[in-house]
Amino acid sequence: MAWIKSIARADAKGKLQPTEVVAVVKVFDTANATSIVQIDTHGSDDRENPGKQSQTIQFGEEAAKQLFEIFRETYGFK
């Protein structure tokens, strides 16, 4: 599990990962009323335990803004 504190765009080449998984998004507030968006990925059909939660990342507001800006620039979101 990881709580993402900041996101920066890297000018580097990448490649599409061959494994497809399902993700579930949870939204909750911490004890001090900070809103958190959590994305859990679940194992692919080829894994020993298909569908089992495998990775979790959490975003606070600042990291979410940074990621949204990247999505906006890439996909034209408004």
PDB file of N, CA and C in Angstrom:
ATOM      1  N   MET A   1       0.853  -1.171   0.000  1.00  0.00           N
ATOM      2  CA  MET A   1       0.000   0.000   0.000  1.00  0.00           C
ATOM      3  C   MET A   1       0.895   1.229   0.000  1.00  0.00           C
ATOM      4  N   ALA A   2       0.450   2.242  -0.709  1.00  0.00           N
ATOM      5  CA  ALA A   2       1.221   3.485  -0.747  1.00  0.00           C
ATOM      6  C   ALA A   2       0.284   4.680  -0.781  1.00  0.00           C
ATOM      7  N   TRP A   3       0.644   5.709  -0.012  1.00  0.00           N
ATOM      8  CA  TRP A   3      -0.056   6.987  -0.042  1.00  0.00           C
ATOM      9  C   TRP A   3       0.805   7.907  -0.883  1.00  0.00           C
ATOM     10  N   ILE A   4       0.273   8.352  -2.020  1.00  0.00           N
ATOM     11  CA  ILE A   4       1.023   9.167  -2.969  1.00  0.00           C
ATOM     12  C   ILE A   4       1.039  10.604  -2.466  1.00  0.00           C
ATOM     13  N   LYS A   5       2.238  11.135  -2.185  1.00  0.00           N
ATOM     14  CA  LYS A   5       2.297  12.515  -1.681  1.00  0.00           C
ATOM     15  C   LYS A   5       2.446  13.530  -2.792  1.00  0.00           C
ATOM     16  N   SER A   6       3.039  13.138  -3.930  1.00  0.00           N
ATOM     17  CA  SER A   6       3.113  14.053  -5.073  1.00  0.00           C
ATOM     18  C   SER A   6       3.315  13.251  -6.346  1.00  0.00           C
ATOM     19  N   ILE A   7       2.950  13.886  -7.465  1.00  0.00           N
ATOM     20  CA  ILE A   7       3.058  13.245  -8.774  1.00  0.00           C
ATOM     21  C   ILE A   7       3.714  14.228  -9.726  1.00  0.00           C
ATOM     22  N   ALA A   8       4.671  13.743 -10.487  1.00  0.00           N
ATOM     23  CA  ALA A   8       5.325  14.567 -11.500  1.00  0.00           C
ATOM     24  C   ALA A   8       5.349  13.786 -12.807  1.00  0.00           C
ATOM     25  N   ARG A   9       5.122  14.484 -13.893  1.00  0.00           N
ATOM     26  CA  ARG A   9       5.149  13.858 -15.212  1.00  0.00           C
ATOM     27  C   ARG A   9       6.598  13.682 -15.650  1.00  0.00           C
ATOM     28  N   ALA A  10       6.926  12.514 -16.171  1.00  0.00           N
ATOM     29  CA  ALA A  10       8.269  12.232 -16.677  1.00  0.00           C
ATOM     30  C   ALA A  10       8.205  12.145 -18.192  1.00  0.00           C
ATOM     31  N   ASP A  11       9.132  12.791 -18.849  1.00  0.00           N
ATOM     32  CA  ASP A  11       9.217  12.706 -20.304  1.00  0.00           C
ATOM     33  C   ASP A  11      10.061  11.486 -20.661  1.00  0.00           C
ATOM     34  N   ALA A  12       9.412  10.347 -20.691  1.00  0.00           N
ATOM     35  CA  ALA A  12      10.098   9.093 -20.982  1.00  0.00           C
ATOM     36  C   ALA A  12       9.143   8.182 -21.739  1.00  0.00           C
ATOM     37  N   LYS A  13       9.700   7.248 -22.458  1.00  0.00           N
ATOM     38  CA  LYS A  13       8.891   6.276 -23.190  1.00  0.00           C
ATOM     39  C   LYS A  13       8.391   5.211 -22.223  1.00  0.00           C
ATOM     40  N   GLY A  14       7.258   4.643 -22.547  1.00  0.00           N
ATOM     41  CA  GLY A  14       6.695   3.555 -21.764  1.00  0.00           C
ATOM     42  C   GLY A  14       6.150   2.499 -22.703  1.00  0.00           C
ATOM     43  N   LYS A  15       5.625   1.434 -22.134  1.00  0.00           N
ATOM     44  CA  LYS A  15       4.984   0.412 -22.958  1.00  0.00           C
ATOM     45  C   LYS A  15       3.748  -0.086 -22.234  1.00  0.00           C
ATOM     46  N   LEU A  16       2.761  -0.491 -22.993  1.00  0.00           N
ATOM     47  CA  LEU A  16       1.514  -0.999 -22.448  1.00  0.00           C
ATOM     48  C   LEU A  16       1.772  -2.326 -21.745  1.00  0.00           C
ATOM     49  N   GLN A  17       1.316  -2.439 -20.513  1.00  0.00           N
ATOM     50  CA  GLN A  17       1.472  -3.685 -19.770  1.00  0.00           C
ATOM     51  C   GLN A  17       0.513  -4.733 -20.332  1.00  0.00           C
ATOM     52  N   PRO A  18       0.954  -5.977 -20.467  1.00  0.00           N
ATOM     53  CA  PRO A  18       0.103  -6.998 -21.078  1.00  0.00           C
ATOM     54  C   PRO A  18      -0.986  -7.544 -20.155  1.00  0.00           C
ATOM     55  N   THR A  19      -0.850  -7.358 -18.852  1.00  0.00           N
ATOM     56  CA  THR A  19      -1.798  -7.921 -17.901  1.00  0.00           C
ATOM     57  C   THR A  19      -2.907  -6.927 -17.593  1.00  0.00           C
ATOM     58  N   GLU A  20      -4.152  -7.357 -17.772  1.00  0.00           N
ATOM     59  CA  GLU A  20      -5.302  -6.518 -17.455  1.00  0.00           C
ATOM     60  C   GLU A  20      -5.856  -6.931 -16.096  1.00  0.00           C
ATOM     61  N   VAL A  21      -6.231  -5.931 -15.288  1.00  0.00           N
ATOM     62  CA  VAL A  21      -6.812  -6.194 -13.979  1.00  0.00           C
ATOM     63  C   VAL A  21      -8.032  -5.304 -13.780  1.00  0.00           C
ATOM     64  N   VAL A  22      -8.794  -5.602 -12.765  1.00  0.00           N
ATOM     65  CA  VAL A  22      -9.936  -4.786 -12.369  1.00  0.00           C
ATOM     66  C   VAL A  22      -9.491  -3.904 -11.212  1.00  0.00           C
ATOM     67  N   ALA A  23      -9.968  -2.663 -11.202  1.00  0.00           N
ATOM     68  CA  ALA A  23      -9.674  -1.753 -10.094  1.00  0.00           C
ATOM     69  C   ALA A  23     -10.976  -1.319  -9.437  1.00  0.00           C
ATOM     70  N   VAL A  24     -10.899  -1.096  -8.146  1.00  0.00           N
ATOM     71  CA  VAL A  24     -12.027  -0.608  -7.361  1.00  0.00           C
ATOM     72  C   VAL A  24     -11.584   0.686  -6.699  1.00  0.00           C
ATOM     73  N   VAL A  25     -12.440   1.710  -6.745  1.00  0.00           N
ATOM     74  CA  VAL A  25     -12.126   3.002  -6.137  1.00  0.00           C
ATOM     75  C   VAL A  25     -12.972   3.174  -4.878  1.00  0.00           C
ATOM     76  N   LYS A  26     -12.300   3.534  -3.796  1.00  0.00           N
ATOM     77  CA  LYS A  26     -12.974   3.843  -2.533  1.00  0.00           C
ATOM     78  C   LYS A  26     -12.678   5.296  -2.194  1.00  0.00           C
ATOM     79  N   VAL A  27     -13.655   5.994  -1.640  1.00  0.00           N
ATOM     80  CA  VAL A  27     -13.469   7.374  -1.196  1.00  0.00           C
ATOM     81  C   VAL A  27     -13.861   7.428   0.273  1.00  0.00           C
ATOM     82  N   PHE A  28     -12.974   7.990   1.097  1.00  0.00           N
ATOM     83  CA  PHE A  28     -13.268   8.069   2.523  1.00  0.00           C
ATOM     84  C   PHE A  28     -12.574   9.281   3.123  1.00  0.00           C
ATOM     85  N   ASP A  29     -12.975   9.625   4.326  1.00  0.00           N
ATOM     86  CA  ASP A  29     -12.356  10.720   5.067  1.00  0.00           C
ATOM     87  C   ASP A  29     -11.558  10.150   6.227  1.00  0.00           C
ATOM     88  N   THR A  30     -10.401  10.761   6.488  1.00  0.00           N
ATOM     89  CA  THR A  30      -9.595  10.365   7.633  1.00  0.00           C
ATOM     90  C   THR A  30     -10.192  10.966   8.902  1.00  0.00           C
ATOM     91  N   ALA A  31      -9.599  10.647  10.034  1.00  0.00           N
ATOM     92  CA  ALA A  31     -10.080  11.161  11.320  1.00  0.00           C
ATOM     93  C   ALA A  31     -10.054  12.685  11.377  1.00  0.00           C
ATOM     94  N   ASN A  32      -9.119  13.312  10.639  1.00  0.00           N
ATOM     95  CA  ASN A  32      -9.052  14.784  10.638  1.00  0.00           C
ATOM     96  C   ASN A  32      -9.746  15.387   9.417  1.00  0.00           C
ATOM     97  N   ALA A  33     -10.684  14.640   8.827  1.00  0.00           N
ATOM     98  CA  ALA A  33     -11.544  15.115   7.732  1.00  0.00           C
ATOM     99  C   ALA A  33     -10.810  15.366   6.423  1.00  0.00           C
ATOM    100  N   THR A  34      -9.699  14.679   6.206  1.00  0.00           N
ATOM    101  CA  THR A  34      -9.008  14.742   4.925  1.00  0.00           C
ATOM    102  C   THR A  34      -9.625  13.699   4.002  1.00  0.00           C
ATOM    103  N   SER A  35     -10.072  14.114   2.827  1.00  0.00           N
ATOM    104  CA  SER A  35     -10.659  13.171   1.866  1.00  0.00           C
ATOM    105  C   SER A  35      -9.551  12.404   1.154  1.00  0.00           C
ATOM    106  N   ILE A  36      -9.731  11.105   1.043  1.00  0.00           N
ATOM    107  CA  ILE A  36      -8.762  10.221   0.399  1.00  0.00           C
ATOM    108  C   ILE A  36      -9.477   9.420  -0.683  1.00  0.00           C
ATOM    109  N   VAL A  37      -8.851   9.323  -1.856  1.00  0.00           N
ATOM    110  CA  VAL A  37      -9.314   8.430  -2.916  1.00  0.00           C
ATOM    111  C   VAL A  37      -8.336   7.261  -2.956  1.00  0.00           C
ATOM    112  N   GLN A  38      -8.867   6.065  -2.839  1.00  0.00           N
ATOM    113  CA  GLN A  38      -8.033   4.864  -2.818  1.00  0.00           C
ATOM    114  C   GLN A  38      -8.383   3.997  -4.017  1.00  0.00           C
ATOM    115  N   ILE A  39      -7.361   3.526  -4.719  1.00  0.00           N
ATOM    116  CA  ILE A  39      -7.554   2.613  -5.850  1.00  0.00           C
ATOM    117  C   ILE A  39      -6.922   1.281  -5.484  1.00  0.00           C
ATOM    118  N   ASP A  40      -7.737   0.227  -5.503  1.00  0.00           N
ATOM    119  CA  ASP A  40      -7.268  -1.132  -5.242  1.00  0.00           C
ATOM    120  C   ASP A  40      -7.309  -1.906  -6.548  1.00  0.00           C
ATOM    121  N   THR A  41      -6.209  -2.568  -6.890  1.00  0.00           N
ATOM    122  CA  THR A  41      -6.238  -3.454  -8.048  1.00  0.00           C
ATOM    123  C   THR A  41      -6.398  -4.882  -7.549  1.00  0.00           C
ATOM    124  N   HIS A  42      -7.032  -5.687  -8.379  1.00  0.00           N
ATOM    125  CA  HIS A  42      -7.295  -7.075  -8.025  1.00  0.00           C
ATOM    126  C   HIS A  42      -6.619  -7.978  -9.040  1.00  0.00           C
ATOM    127  N   GLY A  43      -6.099  -9.100  -8.569  1.00  0.00           N
ATOM    128  CA  GLY A  43      -5.309  -9.999  -9.385  1.00  0.00           C
ATOM    129  C   GLY A  43      -5.981 -10.411 -10.681  1.00  0.00           C
ATOM    130  N   SER A  44      -5.156 -10.594 -11.696  1.00  0.00           N
ATOM    131  CA  SER A  44      -5.648 -11.014 -13.007  1.00  0.00           C
ATOM    132  C   SER A  44      -6.129 -12.459 -12.950  1.00  0.00           C
ATOM    133  N   ASP A  45      -6.799 -12.876 -14.000  1.00  0.00           N
ATOM    134  CA  ASP A  45      -7.304 -14.248 -14.078  1.00  0.00           C
ATOM    135  C   ASP A  45      -6.181 -15.275 -14.080  1.00  0.00           C
ATOM    136  N   ASP A  46      -4.955 -14.852 -14.439  1.00  0.00           N
ATOM    137  CA  ASP A  46      -3.824 -15.777 -14.530  1.00  0.00           C
ATOM    138  C   ASP A  46      -3.097 -15.970 -13.198  1.00  0.00           C
ATOM    139  N   ARG A  47      -3.445 -15.197 -12.188  1.00  0.00           N
ATOM    140  CA  ARG A  47      -2.752 -15.291 -10.903  1.00  0.00           C
ATOM    141  C   ARG A  47      -3.210 -16.505 -10.114  1.00  0.00           C
ATOM    142  N   GLU A  48      -2.401 -16.866  -9.126  1.00  0.00           N
ATOM    143  CA  GLU A  48      -2.739 -17.995  -8.266  1.00  0.00           C
ATOM    144  C   GLU A  48      -4.077 -17.770  -7.556  1.00  0.00           C
ATOM    145  N   ASN A  49      -4.319 -16.533  -7.128  1.00  0.00           N
ATOM    146  CA  ASN A  49      -5.579 -16.167  -6.478  1.00  0.00           C
ATOM    147  C   ASN A  49      -6.259 -15.073  -7.289  1.00  0.00           C
ATOM    148  N   PRO A  50      -6.916 -15.434  -8.395  1.00  0.00           N
ATOM    149  CA  PRO A  50      -7.547 -14.409  -9.225  1.00  0.00           C
ATOM    150  C   PRO A  50      -8.562 -13.594  -8.428  1.00  0.00           C
ATOM    151  N   GLY A  51      -8.582 -12.298  -8.677  1.00  0.00           N
ATOM    152  CA  GLY A  51      -9.536 -11.429  -8.018  1.00  0.00           C
ATOM    153  C   GLY A  51      -9.123 -10.950  -6.642  1.00  0.00           C
ATOM    154  N   LYS A  52      -8.050 -11.510  -6.084  1.00  0.00           N
ATOM    155  CA  LYS A  52      -7.584 -11.084  -4.766  1.00  0.00           C
ATOM    156  C   LYS A  52      -6.951  -9.699  -4.874  1.00  0.00           C
ATOM    157  N   GLN A  53      -7.229  -8.841  -3.896  1.00  0.00           N
ATOM    158  CA  GLN A  53      -6.628  -7.503  -3.911  1.00  0.00           C
ATOM    159  C   GLN A  53      -5.114  -7.637  -3.920  1.00  0.00           C
ATOM    160  N   SER A  54      -4.467  -6.902  -4.834  1.00  0.00           N
ATOM    161  CA  SER A  54      -3.020  -7.042  -4.935  1.00  0.00           C
ATOM    162  C   SER A  54      -2.259  -5.749  -4.678  1.00  0.00           C
ATOM    163  N   GLN A  55      -2.793  -4.615  -5.076  1.00  0.00           N
ATOM    164  CA  GLN A  55      -2.094  -3.348  -4.872  1.00  0.00           C
ATOM    165  C   GLN A  55      -3.090  -2.276  -4.468  1.00  0.00           C
ATOM    166  N   THR A  56      -2.624  -1.335  -3.653  1.00  0.00           N
ATOM    167  CA  THR A  56      -3.450  -0.219  -3.208  1.00  0.00           C
ATOM    168  C   THR A  56      -2.633   1.056  -3.292  1.00  0.00           C
ATOM    169  N   ILE A  57      -3.226   2.098  -3.883  1.00  0.00           N
ATOM    170  CA  ILE A  57      -2.607   3.423  -3.842  1.00  0.00           C
ATOM    171  C   ILE A  57      -3.653   4.416  -3.367  1.00  0.00           C
ATOM    172  N   GLN A  58      -3.199   5.390  -2.592  1.00  0.00           N
ATOM    173  CA  GLN A  58      -4.100   6.390  -2.034  1.00  0.00           C
ATOM    174  C   GLN A  58      -3.641   7.778  -2.449  1.00  0.00           C
ATOM    175  N   PHE A  59      -4.630   8.653  -2.713  1.00  0.00           N
ATOM    176  CA  PHE A  59      -4.361  10.025  -3.142  1.00  0.00           C
ATOM    177  C   PHE A  59      -5.050  11.003  -2.208  1.00  0.00           C
ATOM    178  N   GLY A  60      -4.289  11.979  -1.720  1.00  0.00           N
ATOM    179  CA  GLY A  60      -4.873  13.133  -1.056  1.00  0.00           C
ATOM    180  C   GLY A  60      -5.185  14.176  -2.123  1.00  0.00           C
ATOM    181  N   GLU A  61      -5.660  15.323  -1.698  1.00  0.00           N
ATOM    182  CA  GLU A  61      -6.104  16.347  -2.647  1.00  0.00           C
ATOM    183  C   GLU A  61      -4.979  16.849  -3.549  1.00  0.00           C
ATOM    184  N   GLU A  62      -3.801  17.114  -3.011  1.00  0.00           N
ATOM    185  CA  GLU A  62      -2.718  17.678  -3.823  1.00  0.00           C
ATOM    186  C   GLU A  62      -2.265  16.701  -4.908  1.00  0.00           C
ATOM    187  N   ALA A  63      -2.049  15.439  -4.542  1.00  0.00           N
ATOM    188  CA  ALA A  63      -1.644  14.444  -5.536  1.00  0.00           C
ATOM    189  C   ALA A  63      -2.749  14.230  -6.564  1.00  0.00           C
ATOM    190  N   ALA A  64      -4.004  14.266  -6.130  1.00  0.00           N
ATOM    191  CA  ALA A  64      -5.127  14.108  -7.060  1.00  0.00           C
ATOM    192  C   ALA A  64      -5.166  15.254  -8.064  1.00  0.00           C
ATOM    193  N   LYS A  65      -4.905  16.477  -7.597  1.00  0.00           N
ATOM    194  CA  LYS A  65      -4.851  17.626  -8.515  1.00  0.00           C
ATOM    195  C   LYS A  65      -3.746  17.438  -9.549  1.00  0.00           C
ATOM    196  N   GLN A  66      -2.601  16.973  -9.101  1.00  0.00           N
ATOM    197  CA  GLN A  66      -1.477  16.764 -10.012  1.00  0.00           C
ATOM    198  C   GLN A  66      -1.809  15.696 -11.046  1.00  0.00           C
ATOM    199  N   LEU A  67      -2.428  14.607 -10.613  1.00  0.00           N
ATOM    200  CA  LEU A  67      -2.810  13.545 -11.538  1.00  0.00           C
ATOM    201  C   LEU A  67      -3.895  14.025 -12.494  1.00  0.00           C
ATOM    202  N   PHE A  68      -4.880  14.772 -11.984  1.00  0.00           N
ATOM    203  CA  PHE A  68      -5.932  15.300 -12.850  1.00  0.00           C
ATOM    204  C   PHE A  68      -5.345  16.218 -13.912  1.00  0.00           C
ATOM    205  N   GLU A  69      -4.360  17.025 -13.569  1.00  0.00           N
ATOM    206  CA  GLU A  69      -3.726  17.917 -14.548  1.00  0.00           C
ATOM    207  C   GLU A  69      -3.063  17.098 -15.661  1.00  0.00           C
ATOM    208  N   ILE A  70      -2.444  16.001 -15.310  1.00  0.00           N
ATOM    209  CA  ILE A  70      -1.843  15.122 -16.323  1.00  0.00           C
ATOM    210  C   ILE A  70      -2.935  14.514 -17.202  1.00  0.00           C
ATOM    211  N   PHE A  71      -4.029  14.043 -16.598  1.00  0.00           N
ATOM    212  CA  PHE A  71      -5.158  13.517 -17.376  1.00  0.00           C
ATOM    213  C   PHE A  71      -5.730  14.596 -18.291  1.00  0.00           C
ATOM    214  N   ARG A  72      -5.880  15.810 -17.776  1.00  0.00           N
ATOM    215  CA  ARG A  72      -6.437  16.911 -18.560  1.00  0.00           C
ATOM    216  C   ARG A  72      -5.559  17.199 -19.771  1.00  0.00           C
ATOM    217  N   GLU A  73      -4.255  17.275 -19.558  1.00  0.00           N
ATOM    218  CA  GLU A  73      -3.329  17.546 -20.661  1.00  0.00           C
ATOM    219  C   GLU A  73      -3.327  16.406 -21.680  1.00  0.00           C
ATOM    220  N   THR A  74      -3.420  15.183 -21.198  1.00  0.00           N
ATOM    221  CA  THR A  74      -3.321  14.010 -22.071  1.00  0.00           C
ATOM    222  C   THR A  74      -4.616  13.729 -22.825  1.00  0.00           C
ATOM    223  N   TYR A  75      -5.744  13.789 -22.133  1.00  0.00           N
ATOM    224  CA  TYR A  75      -7.024  13.379 -22.703  1.00  0.00           C
ATOM    225  C   TYR A  75      -7.995  14.524 -22.964  1.00  0.00           C
ATOM    226  N   GLY A  76      -7.622  15.744 -22.600  1.00  0.00           N
ATOM    227  CA  GLY A  76      -8.492  16.888 -22.841  1.00  0.00           C
ATOM    228  C   GLY A  76      -9.653  17.002 -21.872  1.00  0.00           C
ATOM    229  N   PHE A  77      -9.552  16.379 -20.688  1.00  0.00           N
ATOM    230  CA  PHE A  77     -10.617  16.494 -19.686  1.00  0.00           C
ATOM    231  C   PHE A  77     -10.798  17.946 -19.282  1.00  0.00           C
ATOM    232  N   LYS A  78     -12.031  18.296 -18.928  1.00  0.00           N
ATOM    233  CA  LYS A  78     -12.329  19.669 -18.503  1.00  0.00           C
ATOM    234  C   LYS A  78     -12.847  19.691 -17.094  1.00  0.00           C
TER     235      LYS A  78
END
